[in-house]
Amino acid sequence: MERQQSRRGKRMKRLRQRTVEPVLGSLVEYYGLRKVNVQGKAGAHKVMLMAAIAFNLKKYMKFTTKSTVSQAIALKVEWSFSSQSTFWGFGVLFLN
C-alpha cells in the first residue's frame, strides 16, 4: 500500500492506465474475453495470444489502409495516362 502511494507508484499507475488498461478493456468488451472457455493455462494463453493478434492486426490495418488507397488512386491515374496504347498500359501495370 505504501509503495502505491509513493510518487513512483502513482506515476506507474498513471502510465498503466494509459497503456495497458484500455487494451484489456477492449479485449474484454469487444473481443469476447469475458470468459475463456478453455481449460488450463496453456489454453488460456492461446486464447490471449489470438485476441492480442486480432487487436494488433486491427490497429495495423488503420495505418496501412490509407497508403493502400493512395496507391490505388495513383495506379488509376497512371493507367488513365497510359491507356492510349493498350500494350503500353499492360507494360506499365505488370512489367514494373
PDB file of N, CA and C in Angstrom:
ATOM      1  N   MET A   1       0.824  -1.192   0.000  1.00  0.00           N
ATOM      2  CA  MET A   1       0.000   0.000   0.000  1.00  0.00           C
ATOM      3  C   MET A   1       0.868   1.255   0.000  1.00  0.00           C
ATOM      4  N   GLU A   2       1.910   1.229   0.794  1.00  0.00           N
ATOM      5  CA  GLU A   2       2.796   2.396   0.879  1.00  0.00           C
ATOM      6  C   GLU A   2       3.497   2.637  -0.458  1.00  0.00           C
ATOM      7  N   ARG A   3       3.867   1.543  -1.099  1.00  0.00           N
ATOM      8  CA  ARG A   3       4.563   1.655  -2.376  1.00  0.00           C
ATOM      9  C   ARG A   3       3.649   2.272  -3.445  1.00  0.00           C
ATOM     10  N   GLN A   4       2.365   1.950  -3.394  1.00  0.00           N
ATOM     11  CA  GLN A   4       1.425   2.506  -4.369  1.00  0.00           C
ATOM     12  C   GLN A   4       1.208   3.998  -4.165  1.00  0.00           C
ATOM     13  N   GLN A   5       1.347   4.461  -2.938  1.00  0.00           N
ATOM     14  CA  GLN A   5       1.113   5.866  -2.630  1.00  0.00           C
ATOM     15  C   GLN A   5       2.340   6.745  -2.861  1.00  0.00           C
ATOM     16  N   SER A   6       3.472   6.130  -3.137  1.00  0.00           N
ATOM     17  CA  SER A   6       4.682   6.918  -3.382  1.00  0.00           C
ATOM     18  C   SER A   6       4.573   7.614  -4.738  1.00  0.00           C
ATOM     19  N   ARG A   7       5.465   8.541  -4.980  1.00  0.00           N
ATOM     20  CA  ARG A   7       5.466   9.280  -6.234  1.00  0.00           C
ATOM     21  C   ARG A   7       5.672   8.330  -7.424  1.00  0.00           C
ATOM     22  N   ARG A   8       6.607   7.416  -7.279  1.00  0.00           N
ATOM     23  CA  ARG A   8       6.890   6.454  -8.351  1.00  0.00           C
ATOM     24  C   ARG A   8       5.688   5.536  -8.586  1.00  0.00           C
ATOM     25  N   GLY A   9       5.042   5.096  -7.515  1.00  0.00           N
ATOM     26  CA  GLY A   9       3.876   4.232  -7.639  1.00  0.00           C
ATOM     27  C   GLY A   9       2.729   4.923  -8.350  1.00  0.00           C
ATOM     28  N   LYS A  10       2.500   6.187  -8.038  1.00  0.00           N
ATOM     29  CA  LYS A  10       1.432   6.938  -8.703  1.00  0.00           C
ATOM     30  C   LYS A  10       1.743   7.148 -10.177  1.00  0.00           C
ATOM     31  N   ARG A  11       3.005   7.398 -10.469  1.00  0.00           N
ATOM     32  CA  ARG A  11       3.413   7.582 -11.867  1.00  0.00           C
ATOM     33  C   ARG A  11       3.227   6.292 -12.664  1.00  0.00           C
ATOM     34  N   MET A  12       3.590   5.166 -12.054  1.00  0.00           N
ATOM     35  CA  MET A  12       3.425   3.874 -12.734  1.00  0.00           C
ATOM     36  C   MET A  12       1.940   3.562 -12.950  1.00  0.00           C
ATOM     37  N   LYS A  13       1.102   3.919 -11.993  1.00  0.00           N
ATOM     38  CA  LYS A  13      -0.329   3.680 -12.133  1.00  0.00           C
ATOM     39  C   LYS A  13      -0.906   4.501 -13.280  1.00  0.00           C
ATOM     40  N   ARG A  14      -0.509   5.775 -13.387  1.00  0.00           N
ATOM     41  CA  ARG A  14      -0.985   6.603 -14.493  1.00  0.00           C
ATOM     42  C   ARG A  14      -0.542   6.040 -15.842  1.00  0.00           C
ATOM     43  N   LEU A  15       0.701   5.588 -15.906  1.00  0.00           N
ATOM     44  CA  LEU A  15       1.219   5.007 -17.136  1.00  0.00           C
ATOM     45  C   LEU A  15       0.456   3.738 -17.512  1.00  0.00           C
ATOM     46  N   ARG A  16       0.201   2.895 -16.520  1.00  0.00           N
ATOM     47  CA  ARG A  16      -0.533   1.654 -16.758  1.00  0.00           C
ATOM     48  C   ARG A  16      -1.957   1.947 -17.220  1.00  0.00           C
ATOM     49  N   GLN A  17      -2.586   2.960 -16.636  1.00  0.00           N
ATOM     50  CA  GLN A  17      -3.949   3.302 -17.018  1.00  0.00           C
ATOM     51  C   GLN A  17      -4.022   3.827 -18.447  1.00  0.00           C
ATOM     52  N   ARG A  18      -2.949   4.431 -18.926  1.00  0.00           N
ATOM     53  CA  ARG A  18      -2.939   4.946 -20.293  1.00  0.00           C
ATOM     54  C   ARG A  18      -2.591   3.881 -21.314  1.00  0.00           C
ATOM     55  N   THR A  19      -1.797   2.889 -20.949  1.00  0.00           N
ATOM     56  CA  THR A  19      -1.296   1.949 -21.943  1.00  0.00           C
ATOM     57  C   THR A  19      -1.954   0.575 -21.865  1.00  0.00           C
ATOM     58  N   VAL A  20      -1.937  -0.053 -20.734  1.00  0.00           N
ATOM     59  CA  VAL A  20      -2.366  -1.450 -20.621  1.00  0.00           C
ATOM     60  C   VAL A  20      -3.865  -1.589 -20.400  1.00  0.00           C
ATOM     61  N   GLU A  21      -4.404  -0.812 -19.514  1.00  0.00           N
ATOM     62  CA  GLU A  21      -5.808  -0.985 -19.119  1.00  0.00           C
ATOM     63  C   GLU A  21      -6.792  -0.791 -20.271  1.00  0.00           C
ATOM     64  N   PRO A  22      -6.631   0.193 -21.174  1.00  0.00           N
ATOM     65  CA  PRO A  22      -7.576   0.305 -22.292  1.00  0.00           C
ATOM     66  C   PRO A  22      -7.545  -0.916 -23.214  1.00  0.00           C
ATOM     67  N   VAL A  23      -6.380  -1.495 -23.401  1.00  0.00           N
ATOM     68  CA  VAL A  23      -6.272  -2.687 -24.249  1.00  0.00           C
ATOM     69  C   VAL A  23      -7.025  -3.844 -23.608  1.00  0.00           C
ATOM     70  N   LEU A  24      -6.817  -4.060 -22.334  1.00  0.00           N
ATOM     71  CA  LEU A  24      -7.522  -5.140 -21.644  1.00  0.00           C
ATOM     72  C   LEU A  24      -9.025  -4.897 -21.644  1.00  0.00           C
ATOM     73  N   GLY A  25      -9.426  -3.644 -21.465  1.00  0.00           N
ATOM     74  CA  GLY A  25     -10.850  -3.320 -21.519  1.00  0.00           C
ATOM     75  C   GLY A  25     -11.448  -3.612 -22.876  1.00  0.00           C
ATOM     76  N   SER A  26     -10.724  -3.287 -23.942  1.00  0.00           N
ATOM     77  CA  SER A  26     -11.202  -3.568 -25.297  1.00  0.00           C
ATOM     78  C   SER A  26     -11.298  -5.069 -25.537  1.00  0.00           C
ATOM     79  N   LEU A  27     -10.305  -5.809 -25.060  1.00  0.00           N
ATOM     80  CA  LEU A  27     -10.331  -7.262 -25.240  1.00  0.00           C
ATOM     81  C   LEU A  27     -11.527  -7.878 -24.531  1.00  0.00           C
ATOM     82  N   VAL A  28     -11.825  -7.396 -23.351  1.00  0.00           N
ATOM     83  CA  VAL A  28     -12.952  -7.942 -22.590  1.00  0.00           C
ATOM     84  C   VAL A  28     -14.274  -7.526 -23.229  1.00  0.00           C
ATOM     85  N   GLU A  29     -14.374  -6.254 -23.632  1.00  0.00           N
ATOM     86  CA  GLU A  29     -15.644  -5.728 -24.110  1.00  0.00           C
ATOM     87  C   GLU A  29     -15.968  -6.148 -25.539  1.00  0.00           C
ATOM     88  N   TYR A  30     -14.989  -6.095 -26.436  1.00  0.00           N
ATOM     89  CA  TYR A  30     -15.273  -6.279 -27.858  1.00  0.00           C
ATOM     90  C   TYR A  30     -14.737  -7.584 -28.450  1.00  0.00           C
ATOM     91  N   TYR A  31     -13.820  -8.241 -27.785  1.00  0.00           N
ATOM     92  CA  TYR A  31     -13.219  -9.441 -28.344  1.00  0.00           C
ATOM     93  C   TYR A  31     -13.630 -10.714 -27.617  1.00  0.00           C
ATOM     94  N   GLY A  32     -14.648 -10.634 -26.786  1.00  0.00           N
ATOM     95  CA  GLY A  32     -15.231 -11.820 -26.187  1.00  0.00           C
ATOM     96  C   GLY A  32     -14.392 -12.485 -25.111  1.00  0.00           C
ATOM     97  N   LEU A  33     -13.633 -11.727 -24.373  1.00  0.00           N
ATOM     98  CA  LEU A  33     -12.805 -12.341 -23.336  1.00  0.00           C
ATOM     99  C   LEU A  33     -13.382 -12.179 -21.931  1.00  0.00           C
ATOM    100  N   ARG A  34     -14.698 -12.054 -21.851  1.00  0.00           N
ATOM    101  CA  ARG A  34     -15.299 -12.056 -20.514  1.00  0.00           C
ATOM    102  C   ARG A  34     -15.108 -13.428 -19.874  1.00  0.00           C
ATOM    103  N   LYS A  35     -15.242 -14.453 -20.691  1.00  0.00           N
ATOM    104  CA  LYS A  35     -14.998 -15.819 -20.232  1.00  0.00           C
ATOM    105  C   LYS A  35     -14.044 -16.472 -21.208  1.00  0.00           C
ATOM    106  N   VAL A  36     -13.118 -17.223 -20.681  1.00  0.00           N
ATOM    107  CA  VAL A  36     -12.211 -18.002 -21.512  1.00  0.00           C
ATOM    108  C   VAL A  36     -12.679 -19.441 -21.408  1.00  0.00           C
ATOM    109  N   ASN A  37     -13.205 -19.963 -22.504  1.00  0.00           N
ATOM    110  CA  ASN A  37     -13.852 -21.275 -22.487  1.00  0.00           C
ATOM    111  C   ASN A  37     -12.882 -22.402 -22.814  1.00  0.00           C
ATOM    112  N   VAL A  38     -11.757 -22.408 -22.151  1.00  0.00           N
ATOM    113  CA  VAL A  38     -10.789 -23.492 -22.293  1.00  0.00           C
ATOM    114  C   VAL A  38     -10.308 -23.868 -20.903  1.00  0.00           C
ATOM    115  N   GLN A  39      -9.644 -25.001 -20.837  1.00  0.00           N
ATOM    116  CA  GLN A  39      -9.113 -25.429 -19.551  1.00  0.00           C
ATOM    117  C   GLN A  39      -7.598 -25.289 -19.544  1.00  0.00           C
ATOM    118  N   GLY A  40      -7.066 -24.911 -18.413  1.00  0.00           N
ATOM    119  CA  GLY A  40      -5.629 -24.867 -18.225  1.00  0.00           C
ATOM    120  C   GLY A  40      -4.991 -23.561 -18.668  1.00  0.00           C
ATOM    121  N   LYS A  41      -3.767 -23.384 -18.192  1.00  0.00           N
ATOM    122  CA  LYS A  41      -3.013 -22.175 -18.522  1.00  0.00           C
ATOM    123  C   LYS A  41      -2.637 -22.132 -19.992  1.00  0.00           C
ATOM    124  N   ALA A  42      -2.286 -23.280 -20.552  1.00  0.00           N
ATOM    125  CA  ALA A  42      -1.875 -23.313 -21.963  1.00  0.00           C
ATOM    126  C   ALA A  42      -3.022 -22.883 -22.870  1.00  0.00           C
ATOM    127  N   GLY A  43      -4.217 -23.347 -22.590  1.00  0.00           N
ATOM    128  CA  GLY A  43      -5.374 -22.957 -23.394  1.00  0.00           C
ATOM    129  C   GLY A  43      -5.692 -21.482 -23.251  1.00  0.00           C
ATOM    130  N   ALA A  44      -5.646 -20.979 -22.019  1.00  0.00           N
ATOM    131  CA  ALA A  44      -5.900 -19.557 -21.788  1.00  0.00           C
ATOM    132  C   ALA A  44      -4.836 -18.701 -22.474  1.00  0.00           C
ATOM    133  N   HIS A  45      -3.605 -19.195 -22.469  1.00  0.00           N
ATOM    134  CA  HIS A  45      -2.519 -18.470 -23.132  1.00  0.00           C
ATOM    135  C   HIS A  45      -2.776 -18.376 -24.633  1.00  0.00           C
ATOM    136  N   LYS A  46      -3.230 -19.459 -25.238  1.00  0.00           N
ATOM    137  CA  LYS A  46      -3.537 -19.452 -26.674  1.00  0.00           C
ATOM    138  C   LYS A  46      -4.660 -18.473 -26.991  1.00  0.00           C
ATOM    139  N   VAL A  47      -5.688 -18.447 -26.152  1.00  0.00           N
ATOM    140  CA  VAL A  47      -6.806 -17.534 -26.369  1.00  0.00           C
ATOM    141  C   VAL A  47      -6.331 -16.091 -26.282  1.00  0.00           C
ATOM    142  N   MET A  48      -5.499 -15.784 -25.297  1.00  0.00           N
ATOM    143  CA  MET A  48      -4.988 -14.424 -25.147  1.00  0.00           C
ATOM    144  C   MET A  48      -4.102 -14.037 -26.324  1.00  0.00           C
ATOM    145  N   LEU A  49      -3.286 -14.970 -26.806  1.00  0.00           N
ATOM    146  CA  LEU A  49      -2.437 -14.672 -27.961  1.00  0.00           C
ATOM    147  C   LEU A  49      -3.280 -14.368 -29.198  1.00  0.00           C
ATOM    148  N   MET A  50      -4.305 -15.150 -29.423  1.00  0.00           N
ATOM    149  CA  MET A  50      -5.163 -14.923 -30.582  1.00  0.00           C
ATOM    150  C   MET A  50      -5.889 -13.581 -30.476  1.00  0.00           C
ATOM    151  N   ALA A  51      -6.358 -13.240 -29.281  1.00  0.00           N
ATOM    152  CA  ALA A  51      -7.032 -11.957 -29.091  1.00  0.00           C
ATOM    153  C   ALA A  51      -6.051 -10.796 -29.298  1.00  0.00           C
ATOM    154  N   ALA A  52      -4.823 -10.949 -28.810  1.00  0.00           N
ATOM    155  CA  ALA A  52      -3.812  -9.900 -28.988  1.00  0.00           C
ATOM    156  C   ALA A  52      -3.451  -9.738 -30.457  1.00  0.00           C
ATOM    157  N   ILE A  53      -3.361 -10.846 -31.174  1.00  0.00           N
ATOM    158  CA  ILE A  53      -3.065 -10.783 -32.610  1.00  0.00           C
ATOM    159  C   ILE A  53      -4.193 -10.054 -33.344  1.00  0.00           C
ATOM    160  N   ALA A  54      -5.434 -10.379 -33.013  1.00  0.00           N
ATOM    161  CA  ALA A  54      -6.577  -9.716 -33.650  1.00  0.00           C
ATOM    162  C   ALA A  54      -6.572  -8.222 -33.343  1.00  0.00           C
ATOM    163  N   PHE A  55      -6.289  -7.873 -32.103  1.00  0.00           N
ATOM    164  CA  PHE A  55      -6.248  -6.463 -31.694  1.00  0.00           C
ATOM    165  C   PHE A  55      -5.156  -5.719 -32.450  1.00  0.00           C
ATOM    166  N   ASN A  56      -3.975  -6.324 -32.544  1.00  0.00           N
ATOM    167  CA  ASN A  56      -2.849  -5.668 -33.223  1.00  0.00           C
ATOM    168  C   ASN A  56      -3.073  -5.577 -34.726  1.00  0.00           C
ATOM    169  N   LEU A  57      -3.682  -6.594 -35.329  1.00  0.00           N
ATOM    170  CA  LEU A  57      -3.990  -6.522 -36.752  1.00  0.00           C
ATOM    171  C   LEU A  57      -4.985  -5.413 -37.048  1.00  0.00           C
ATOM    172  N   LYS A  58      -5.952  -5.264 -36.170  1.00  0.00           N
ATOM    173  CA  LYS A  58      -6.933  -4.199 -36.352  1.00  0.00           C
ATOM    174  C   LYS A  58      -6.250  -2.833 -36.286  1.00  0.00           C
ATOM    175  N   LYS A  59      -5.344  -2.663 -35.333  1.00  0.00           N
ATOM    176  CA  LYS A  59      -4.598  -1.410 -35.235  1.00  0.00           C
ATOM    177  C   LYS A  59      -3.715  -1.204 -36.460  1.00  0.00           C
ATOM    178  N   TYR A  60      -3.083  -2.268 -36.919  1.00  0.00           N
ATOM    179  CA  TYR A  60      -2.199  -2.190 -38.082  1.00  0.00           C
ATOM    180  C   TYR A  60      -2.973  -1.797 -39.332  1.00  0.00           C
ATOM    181  N   MET A  61      -4.172  -2.318 -39.476  1.00  0.00           N
ATOM    182  CA  MET A  61      -4.971  -2.010 -40.655  1.00  0.00           C
ATOM    183  C   MET A  61      -5.372  -0.543 -40.716  1.00  0.00           C
ATOM    184  N   LYS A  62      -5.485   0.114 -39.580  1.00  0.00           N
ATOM    185  CA  LYS A  62      -5.801   1.543 -39.578  1.00  0.00           C
ATOM    186  C   LYS A  62      -4.698   2.334 -40.269  1.00  0.00           C
ATOM    187  N   PHE A  63      -3.456   1.903 -40.109  1.00  0.00           N
ATOM    188  CA  PHE A  63      -2.334   2.641 -40.669  1.00  0.00           C
ATOM    189  C   PHE A  63      -2.044   2.240 -42.111  1.00  0.00           C
ATOM    190  N   THR A  64      -2.345   1.015 -42.499  1.00  0.00           N
ATOM    191  CA  THR A  64      -1.988   0.566 -43.843  1.00  0.00           C
ATOM    192  C   THR A  64      -3.053   0.895 -44.876  1.00  0.00           C
ATOM    193  N   THR A  65      -4.304   1.064 -44.493  1.00  0.00           N
ATOM    194  CA  THR A  65      -5.348   1.289 -45.489  1.00  0.00           C
ATOM    195  C   THR A  65      -5.175   2.638 -46.178  1.00  0.00           C
ATOM    196  N   LYS A  66      -4.693   3.644 -45.490  1.00  0.00           N
ATOM    197  CA  LYS A  66      -4.526   4.957 -46.099  1.00  0.00           C
ATOM    198  C   LYS A  66      -3.516   4.887 -47.240  1.00  0.00           C
ATOM    199  N   SER A  67      -2.399   4.205 -47.022  1.00  0.00           N
ATOM    200  CA  SER A  67      -1.399   4.128 -48.076  1.00  0.00           C
ATOM    201  C   SER A  67      -1.881   3.238 -49.216  1.00  0.00           C
ATOM    202  N   THR A  68      -2.649   2.207 -48.930  1.00  0.00           N
ATOM    203  CA  THR A  68      -3.163   1.331 -49.965  1.00  0.00           C
ATOM    204  C   THR A  68      -4.142   2.080 -50.862  1.00  0.00           C
ATOM    205  N   VAL A  69      -4.998   2.882 -50.268  1.00  0.00           N
ATOM    206  CA  VAL A  69      -5.960   3.654 -51.048  1.00  0.00           C
ATOM    207  C   VAL A  69      -5.216   4.649 -51.929  1.00  0.00           C
ATOM    208  N   SER A  70      -4.208   5.323 -51.394  1.00  0.00           N
ATOM    209  CA  SER A  70      -3.480   6.295 -52.201  1.00  0.00           C
ATOM    210  C   SER A  70      -2.713   5.605 -53.322  1.00  0.00           C
ATOM    211  N   GLN A  71      -2.214   4.391 -53.080  1.00  0.00           N
ATOM    212  CA  GLN A  71      -1.538   3.656 -54.146  1.00  0.00           C
ATOM    213  C   GLN A  71      -2.529   3.265 -55.233  1.00  0.00           C
ATOM    214  N   ALA A  72      -3.733   2.896 -54.843  1.00  0.00           N
ATOM    215  CA  ALA A  72      -4.756   2.531 -55.824  1.00  0.00           C
ATOM    216  C   ALA A  72      -5.139   3.743 -56.661  1.00  0.00           C
ATOM    217  N   ILE A  73      -5.236   4.907 -56.048  1.00  0.00           N
ATOM    218  CA  ILE A  73      -5.561   6.130 -56.784  1.00  0.00           C
ATOM    219  C   ILE A  73      -4.430   6.458 -57.754  1.00  0.00           C
ATOM    220  N   ALA A  74      -3.193   6.325 -57.286  1.00  0.00           N
ATOM    221  CA  ALA A  74      -2.053   6.592 -58.155  1.00  0.00           C
ATOM    222  C   ALA A  74      -2.039   5.615 -59.322  1.00  0.00           C
ATOM    223  N   LEU A  75      -2.363   4.374 -59.087  1.00  0.00           N
ATOM    224  CA  LEU A  75      -2.401   3.375 -60.146  1.00  0.00           C
ATOM    225  C   LEU A  75      -3.482   3.718 -61.156  1.00  0.00           C
ATOM    226  N   LYS A  76      -4.624   4.195 -60.690  1.00  0.00           N
ATOM    227  CA  LYS A  76      -5.712   4.574 -61.582  1.00  0.00           C
ATOM    228  C   LYS A  76      -5.298   5.745 -62.462  1.00  0.00           C
ATOM    229  N   VAL A  77      -4.642   6.741 -61.888  1.00  0.00           N
ATOM    230  CA  VAL A  77      -4.181   7.890 -62.658  1.00  0.00           C
ATOM    231  C   VAL A  77      -3.143   7.447 -63.669  1.00  0.00           C
ATOM    232  N   GLU A  78      -2.208   6.590 -63.244  1.00  0.00           N
ATOM    233  CA  GLU A  78      -1.175   6.093 -64.143  1.00  0.00           C
ATOM    234  C   GLU A  78      -1.807   5.303 -65.289  1.00  0.00           C
ATOM    235  N   TRP A  79      -2.821   4.527 -64.989  1.00  0.00           N
ATOM    236  CA  TRP A  79      -3.491   3.732 -66.015  1.00  0.00           C
ATOM    237  C   TRP A  79      -4.190   4.650 -67.016  1.00  0.00           C
ATOM    238  N   SER A  80      -4.810   5.730 -66.542  1.00  0.00           N
ATOM    239  CA  SER A  80      -5.525   6.607 -67.467  1.00  0.00           C
ATOM    240  C   SER A  80      -4.550   7.346 -68.378  1.00  0.00           C
ATOM    241  N   PHE A  81      -3.353   7.674 -67.907  1.00  0.00           N
ATOM    242  CA  PHE A  81      -2.352   8.328 -68.745  1.00  0.00           C
ATOM    243  C   PHE A  81      -1.817   7.372 -69.804  1.00  0.00           C
ATOM    244  N   SER A  82      -1.701   6.132 -69.456  1.00  0.00           N
ATOM    245  CA  SER A  82      -1.076   5.179 -70.373  1.00  0.00           C
ATOM    246  C   SER A  82      -2.084   4.364 -71.176  1.00  0.00           C
ATOM    247  N   SER A  83      -3.352   4.675 -71.083  1.00  0.00           N
ATOM    248  CA  SER A  83      -4.347   3.853 -71.754  1.00  0.00           C
ATOM    249  C   SER A  83      -4.483   4.176 -73.242  1.00  0.00           C
ATOM    250  N   GLN A  84      -3.693   5.149 -73.761  1.00  0.00           N
ATOM    251  CA  GLN A  84      -3.753   5.429 -75.190  1.00  0.00           C
ATOM    252  C   GLN A  84      -3.298   4.202 -75.985  1.00  0.00           C
ATOM    253  N   SER A  85      -2.322   3.518 -75.481  1.00  0.00           N
ATOM    254  CA  SER A  85      -1.835   2.315 -76.134  1.00  0.00           C
ATOM    255  C   SER A  85      -2.078   1.138 -75.196  1.00  0.00           C
ATOM    256  N   THR A  86      -2.781   0.138 -75.676  1.00  0.00           N
ATOM    257  CA  THR A  86      -3.130  -0.999 -74.837  1.00  0.00           C
ATOM    258  C   THR A  86      -1.890  -1.740 -74.367  1.00  0.00           C
ATOM    259  N   PHE A  87      -0.938  -1.946 -75.270  1.00  0.00           N
ATOM    260  CA  PHE A  87       0.272  -2.663 -74.883  1.00  0.00           C
ATOM    261  C   PHE A  87       1.067  -1.868 -73.861  1.00  0.00           C
ATOM    262  N   TRP A  88       1.166  -0.565 -74.050  1.00  0.00           N
ATOM    263  CA  TRP A  88       1.912   0.286 -73.117  1.00  0.00           C
ATOM    264  C   TRP A  88       1.265   0.231 -71.731  1.00  0.00           C
ATOM    265  N   GLY A  89      -0.075   0.256 -71.660  1.00  0.00           N
ATOM    266  CA  GLY A  89      -0.784   0.182 -70.385  1.00  0.00           C
ATOM    267  C   GLY A  89      -0.531  -1.154 -69.709  1.00  0.00           C
ATOM    268  N   PHE A  90      -0.502  -2.236 -70.477  1.00  0.00           N
ATOM    269  CA  PHE A  90      -0.209  -3.550 -69.939  1.00  0.00           C
ATOM    270  C   PHE A  90       1.203  -3.574 -69.376  1.00  0.00           C
ATOM    271  N   GLY A  91       2.151  -2.984 -70.065  1.00  0.00           N
ATOM    272  CA  GLY A  91       3.538  -2.952 -69.606  1.00  0.00           C
ATOM    273  C   GLY A  91       3.701  -2.151 -68.331  1.00  0.00           C
ATOM    274  N   VAL A  92       2.988  -1.041 -68.235  1.00  0.00           N
ATOM    275  CA  VAL A  92       3.091  -0.203 -67.028  1.00  0.00           C
ATOM    276  C   VAL A  92       2.556  -0.963 -65.829  1.00  0.00           C
ATOM    277  N   LEU A  93       1.450  -1.698 -65.990  1.00  0.00           N
ATOM    278  CA  LEU A  93       0.832  -2.382 -64.873  1.00  0.00           C
ATOM    279  C   LEU A  93       1.589  -3.626 -64.431  1.00  0.00           C
ATOM    280  N   PHE A  94       2.066  -4.422 -65.359  1.00  0.00           N
ATOM    281  CA  PHE A  94       2.568  -5.741 -64.995  1.00  0.00           C
ATOM    282  C   PHE A  94       4.073  -5.919 -65.118  1.00  0.00           C
ATOM    283  N   LEU A  95       4.739  -5.082 -65.848  1.00  0.00           N
ATOM    284  CA  LEU A  95       6.164  -5.299 -66.048  1.00  0.00           C
ATOM    285  C   LEU A  95       7.027  -4.453 -65.133  1.00  0.00           C
ATOM    286  N   ASN A  96       6.446  -3.595 -64.342  1.00  0.00           N
ATOM    287  CA  ASN A  96       7.237  -2.778 -63.401  1.00  0.00           C
ATOM    288  C   ASN A  96       7.604  -3.567 -62.178  1.00  0.00           C
TER     289      ASN A  96
END
